[in-house]
C-alpha atoms as a PDB file:
ATOM      1  CA  MET A   1     160.124 209.344 -64.574  1.00  0.00           C
ATOM      2  CA  ASN A   2     158.358 207.183 -62.033  1.00  0.00           C
ATOM      3  CA  LYS A   3     154.697 207.294 -60.941  1.00  0.00           C
ATOM      4  CA  SER A   4     155.165 209.811 -58.115  1.00  0.00           C
ATOM      5  CA  GLU A   5     157.159 212.149 -60.383  1.00  0.00           C
ATOM      6  CA  LEU A   6     154.418 211.838 -63.007  1.00  0.00           C
ATOM      7  CA  ILE A   7     151.793 212.733 -60.405  1.00  0.00           C
ATOM      8  CA  ASP A   8     153.842 215.759 -59.296  1.00  0.00           C
ATOM      9  CA  SER A   9     154.198 216.975 -62.892  1.00  0.00           C
ATOM     10  CA  MET A  10     150.538 216.427 -63.742  1.00  0.00           C
ATOM     11  CA  ALA A  11     149.364 218.169 -60.570  1.00  0.00           C
ATOM     12  CA  ALA A  12     151.549 221.202 -61.281  1.00  0.00           C
ATOM     13  CA  LYS A  13     150.385 221.473 -64.910  1.00  0.00           C
ATOM     14  CA  ALA A  14     146.698 220.982 -64.074  1.00  0.00           C
ATOM     15  CA  GLY A  15     146.735 223.139 -60.945  1.00  0.00           C
ATOM     16  CA  ILE A  16     145.068 220.445 -58.824  1.00  0.00           C
ATOM     17  CA  SER A  17     146.122 218.582 -55.692  1.00  0.00           C
ATOM     18  CA  LYS A  18     148.454 215.627 -55.826  1.00  0.00           C
ATOM     19  CA  ALA A  19     145.775 213.456 -54.179  1.00  0.00           C
ATOM     20  CA  ASP A  20     143.233 214.304 -56.895  1.00  0.00           C
ATOM     21  CA  THR A  21     145.877 213.740 -59.558  1.00  0.00           C
ATOM     22  CA  ALA A  22     146.798 210.343 -58.101  1.00  0.00           C
ATOM     23  CA  ARG A  23     143.129 209.292 -58.102  1.00  0.00           C
ATOM     24  CA  ALA A  24     142.734 210.441 -61.719  1.00  0.00           C
ATOM     25  CA  LEU A  25     145.891 208.630 -62.838  1.00  0.00           C
ATOM     26  CA  ASN A  26     144.846 205.436 -61.030  1.00  0.00           C
ATOM     27  CA  ALA A  27     141.395 205.651 -62.633  1.00  0.00           C
ATOM     28  CA  PHE A  28     143.004 206.073 -66.070  1.00  0.00           C
ATOM     29  CA  VAL A  29     145.272 203.060 -65.559  1.00  0.00           C
ATOM     30  CA  GLU A  30     142.378 200.890 -64.337  1.00  0.00           C
ATOM     31  CA  THR A  31     140.236 201.965 -67.296  1.00  0.00           C
ATOM     32  CA  VAL A  32     142.995 201.071 -69.753  1.00  0.00           C
ATOM     33  CA  LYS A  33     143.474 197.658 -68.104  1.00  0.00           C
ATOM     34  CA  GLU A  34     139.738 196.881 -68.095  1.00  0.00           C
ATOM     35  CA  THR A  35     139.300 198.023 -71.695  1.00  0.00           C
ATOM     36  CA  LEU A  36     142.218 195.960 -72.988  1.00  0.00           C
ATOM     37  CA  ALA A  37     141.110 192.924 -70.961  1.00  0.00           C
ATOM     38  CA  SER A  38     137.724 193.110 -72.688  1.00  0.00           C
ATOM     39  CA  GLY A  39     139.474 193.067 -76.085  1.00  0.00           C
ATOM     40  CA  ASP A  40     138.707 196.686 -76.970  1.00  0.00           C
ATOM     41  CA  GLN A  41     141.157 199.528 -77.627  1.00  0.00           C
ATOM     42  CA  ILE A  42     141.543 203.153 -76.534  1.00  0.00           C
ATOM     43  CA  SER A  43     142.462 205.802 -79.103  1.00  0.00           C
ATOM     44  CA  LEU A  44     143.659 209.226 -77.968  1.00  0.00           C
ATOM     45  CA  VAL A  45     143.859 211.578 -80.954  1.00  0.00           C
ATOM     46  CA  ASN A  46     147.337 213.103 -81.445  1.00  0.00           C
ATOM     47  CA  PHE A  47     148.753 210.818 -78.752  1.00  0.00           C
ATOM     48  CA  GLY A  48     148.306 207.148 -79.623  1.00  0.00           C
ATOM     49  CA  THR A  49     146.315 203.962 -79.251  1.00  0.00           C
ATOM     50  CA  PHE A  50     146.365 201.328 -76.514  1.00  0.00           C
ATOM     51  CA  LEU A  51     145.457 197.968 -78.059  1.00  0.00           C
ATOM     52  CA  VAL A  52     145.784 194.191 -77.793  1.00  0.00           C
ATOM     53  CA  ARG A  53     147.846 192.322 -80.373  1.00  0.00           C
ATOM     54  CA  GLU A  54     147.700 188.606 -81.143  1.00  0.00           C
ATOM     55  CA  ARG A  55     151.043 186.832 -81.094  1.00  0.00           C
ATOM     56  CA  ALA A  56     151.103 183.547 -83.003  1.00  0.00           C
ATOM     57  CA  ALA A  57     152.454 180.301 -81.582  1.00  0.00           C
ATOM     58  CA  ARG A  58     156.046 179.667 -82.541  1.00  0.00           C
ATOM     59  CA  THR A  59     159.010 177.421 -81.936  1.00  0.00           C
ATOM     60  CA  GLY A  60     161.686 178.806 -79.648  1.00  0.00           C
ATOM     61  CA  LEU A  61     165.142 177.664 -78.622  1.00  0.00           C
ATOM     62  CA  ASN A  62     166.421 177.268 -75.080  1.00  0.00           C
ATOM     63  CA  PRO A  63     169.754 179.160 -75.153  1.00  0.00           C
ATOM     64  CA  LEU A  64     171.355 176.898 -72.529  1.00  0.00           C
ATOM     65  CA  THR A  65     170.416 173.466 -73.856  1.00  0.00           C
ATOM     66  CA  LYS A  66     169.674 174.383 -77.501  1.00  0.00           C
ATOM     67  CA  GLU A  67     166.489 172.357 -77.046  1.00  0.00           C
ATOM     68  CA  LYS A  68     163.500 173.388 -79.177  1.00  0.00           C
ATOM     69  CA  LEU A  69     160.335 174.347 -77.327  1.00  0.00           C
ATOM     70  CA  GLU A  70     156.879 175.448 -78.357  1.00  0.00           C
ATOM     71  CA  ILE A  71     155.867 178.958 -77.308  1.00  0.00           C
ATOM     72  CA  PRO A  72     152.048 179.194 -77.216  1.00  0.00           C
ATOM     73  CA  ALA A  73     149.994 181.908 -78.906  1.00  0.00           C
ATOM     74  CA  ALA A  74     149.262 184.890 -76.674  1.00  0.00           C
ATOM     75  CA  LYS A  75     147.508 188.230 -76.536  1.00  0.00           C
ATOM     76  CA  VAL A  76     149.833 191.085 -75.589  1.00  0.00           C
ATOM     77  CA  PRO A  77     149.065 194.707 -74.687  1.00  0.00           C
ATOM     78  CA  ALA A  78     150.614 197.275 -77.008  1.00  0.00           C
ATOM     79  CA  PHE A  79     150.807 201.017 -77.578  1.00  0.00           C
ATOM     80  CA  LYS A  80     150.947 202.541 -81.045  1.00  0.00           C
ATOM     81  CA  ALA A  81     152.181 206.133 -80.942  1.00  0.00           C
ATOM     82  CA  GLY A  82     150.237 208.716 -82.917  1.00  0.00           C
ATOM     83  CA  LYS A  83     151.731 210.958 -85.589  1.00  0.00           C
ATOM     84  CA  THR A  84     151.978 214.043 -83.351  1.00  0.00           C
ATOM     85  CA  LEU A  85     153.742 212.111 -80.571  1.00  0.00           C
ATOM     86  CA  LYS A  86     156.185 210.540 -83.048  1.00  0.00           C
ATOM     87  CA  GLU A  87     157.012 213.939 -84.513  1.00  0.00           C
ATOM     88  CA  LEU A  88     157.569 215.441 -81.057  1.00  0.00           C
ATOM     89  CA  VAL A  89     159.902 212.635 -80.017  1.00  0.00           C
ATOM     90  CA  ASN A  90     161.889 212.893 -83.260  1.00  0.00           C
ATOM     91  CA  LYS A  91     162.586 216.650 -83.070  1.00  0.00           C
END
């Protein structure tokens, strides 16, 4: 499902216009980005949690030259699915 299909589905389920749905979805995405950028997390009960994980520095290997290279530490966005979502997906 792409963004426009998601907007169509959300609009139909909520009974609101596609334009209003698109604005709401864009606002949600921007809020998630701003919250994660500030180092905080967003928890949606029965759905999951958007969070930032720390990835440690490590040594990698260039597959072409077999040369070792240092991969720096990084912060990466992540999503941890909630129990209800996991159960629904595994039915």
